[in-house]
Amino acid sequence: MNYLIILNDPPYGTERSYNGLRLANALAKDEAGIAVFMIGDAASCAVAGQTTPNGYYNLERMLKLLSSKGGKIGVCGSCMDARGLKPDSLVQGAHRSSMDELAAWSGEADKVIVF
C-alpha cells in the first residue's frame, strides 16, 4: 500500500508534524510506500542542522530515518522561497518539490493523510 502524508505545521511548538513523522516511520516498517510532503510552515521541518535538548524529539533525525527506509520527502518550493530556505539547507533525503509533484503523489497514493 502507498501512503502520502502531508504535513502543514512547523517543526516545533506543536506536535502535529512530529506525529505525522512518527506515523510515516511506523508505516515504513511494513515496507509500505511512503511519501511525505511538507507545505506551509512544515517546510522548516526539513532544515538540516537541528539541535534539540536531550530527550526531545528531533525531526531531522526522523526524516533521515524515513529516507533510509526508502521514503520520499518533498518540500514545497514556493513555501521554501517564502521562508528563505535554499535546497542545500535541506536534510539529506529531502528535495525541493512542487504542487505538480504533490498532485502526482496524491494520484499514486492509496491513502492520503493530512497533519
Protein backbone atom coordinates (compact mmCIF):
# COMPACT_ATOMS: atom_id res chain seq x y z
CA MET A 1 0.00 0.00 0.00
CA ASN A 2 1.18 3.52 -0.79
CA TYR A 3 0.72 6.36 1.68
CA LEU A 4 1.09 10.09 1.26
CA ILE A 5 1.41 12.12 4.44
CA ILE A 6 1.04 15.89 4.12
CA LEU A 7 2.47 18.00 6.92
CA ASN A 8 1.34 21.61 7.46
CA ASP A 9 2.63 22.62 10.91
CA PRO A 10 6.04 23.97 11.96
CA PRO A 11 8.62 21.56 13.33
CA TYR A 12 8.36 22.66 16.94
CA GLY A 13 5.72 24.37 19.08
CA THR A 14 3.05 21.90 18.02
CA GLU A 15 3.32 18.13 17.75
CA ARG A 16 1.35 17.60 14.55
CA SER A 17 4.37 17.30 12.25
CA TYR A 18 6.14 15.15 14.84
CA ASN A 19 3.15 12.80 15.00
CA GLY A 20 2.91 12.69 11.21
CA LEU A 21 6.54 11.60 11.00
CA ARG A 22 6.02 9.05 13.77
CA LEU A 23 3.23 7.55 11.68
CA ALA A 24 5.32 7.67 8.49
CA ASN A 25 8.18 5.78 10.15
CA ALA A 26 5.79 3.23 11.70
CA LEU A 27 4.18 2.59 8.30
CA ALA A 28 7.61 2.28 6.66
CA LYS A 29 8.37 -0.70 8.94
CA ASP A 30 5.79 -2.69 6.96
CA GLU A 31 7.56 -1.89 3.70
CA ALA A 32 4.72 0.34 2.57
CA GLY A 33 5.45 3.04 0.04
CA ILE A 34 5.70 6.29 1.99
CA ALA A 35 5.85 9.83 0.69
CA VAL A 36 5.89 12.88 2.95
CA PHE A 37 5.17 16.34 1.57
CA MET A 38 5.83 19.41 3.71
CA ILE A 39 3.87 22.54 2.90
CA GLY A 40 3.46 25.92 4.60
CA ASP A 41 5.23 26.17 7.93
CA ALA A 42 6.12 22.48 7.71
CA ALA A 43 8.79 23.37 5.14
CA SER A 44 11.03 24.22 8.09
CA CYS A 45 10.78 20.62 9.31
CA ALA A 46 13.30 19.62 6.63
CA VAL A 47 16.04 22.08 7.57
CA ALA A 48 19.35 20.36 8.32
CA GLY A 49 21.35 21.05 11.46
CA GLN A 50 18.55 20.94 14.03
CA THR A 51 19.75 20.86 17.62
CA THR A 52 17.27 19.88 20.31
CA PRO A 53 17.67 19.23 24.03
CA ASN A 54 18.45 15.68 25.17
CA GLY A 55 15.28 13.66 25.41
CA TYR A 56 13.39 15.94 22.99
CA TYR A 57 12.32 14.74 19.57
CA ASN A 58 14.34 15.85 16.54
CA LEU A 59 12.58 15.99 13.17
CA GLU A 60 15.83 15.98 11.21
CA ARG A 61 16.72 12.57 12.66
CA MET A 62 13.18 11.31 11.99
CA LEU A 63 13.38 12.43 8.34
CA LYS A 64 16.79 10.80 7.88
CA LEU A 65 15.38 7.55 9.27
CA LEU A 66 12.43 7.72 6.89
CA SER A 67 14.74 8.39 3.96
CA SER A 68 16.92 5.40 4.92
CA LYS A 69 13.77 3.24 4.70
CA GLY A 70 13.09 4.44 1.15
CA GLY A 71 10.58 7.16 1.99
CA LYS A 72 10.21 10.06 -0.42
CA ILE A 73 10.42 13.53 1.15
CA GLY A 74 9.26 16.60 -0.74
CA VAL A 75 9.26 20.21 0.42
CA CYS A 76 7.04 22.79 -1.26
CA GLY A 77 9.30 25.07 -3.31
CA SER A 78 7.05 28.13 -3.00
CA CYS A 79 6.93 27.64 0.77
CA MET A 80 10.72 27.35 0.85
CA ASP A 81 11.06 30.61 -1.08
CA ALA A 82 8.66 32.40 1.27
CA ARG A 83 10.79 31.32 4.23
CA GLY A 84 14.19 31.96 2.64
CA LEU A 85 15.10 28.25 2.57
CA LYS A 86 17.57 27.05 -0.04
CA PRO A 87 17.71 23.49 -1.41
CA ASP A 88 21.19 22.98 0.08
CA SER A 89 19.78 23.71 3.56
CA LEU A 90 17.54 20.63 3.46
CA VAL A 91 18.17 17.45 5.38
CA GLN A 92 19.70 14.59 3.42
CA GLY A 93 16.96 12.75 1.52
CA ALA A 94 14.61 15.73 1.20
CA HIS A 95 14.24 17.70 -2.01
CA ARG A 96 12.64 20.89 -3.27
CA SER A 97 9.30 19.86 -4.69
CA SER A 98 6.23 21.37 -6.31
CA MET A 99 2.45 21.24 -6.42
CA ASP A 100 2.78 19.16 -9.59
CA GLU A 101 4.73 16.52 -7.68
CA LEU A 102 2.22 16.66 -4.81
CA ALA A 103 -0.57 16.12 -7.34
CA ALA A 104 1.26 13.14 -8.83
CA TRP A 105 1.97 11.62 -5.39
CA SER A 106 -1.71 12.12 -4.47
CA GLY A 107 -2.76 10.18 -7.55
CA GLU A 108 -0.32 7.34 -6.78
CA ALA A 109 -1.31 7.05 -3.11
CA ASP A 110 -3.82 4.53 -1.83
CA LYS A 111 -4.27 6.74 1.25
CA VAL A 112 -3.59 10.43 1.83
CA ILE A 113 -3.24 11.52 5.46
CA VAL A 114 -3.02 15.19 6.41
CA PHE A 115 -1.49 16.57 9.61
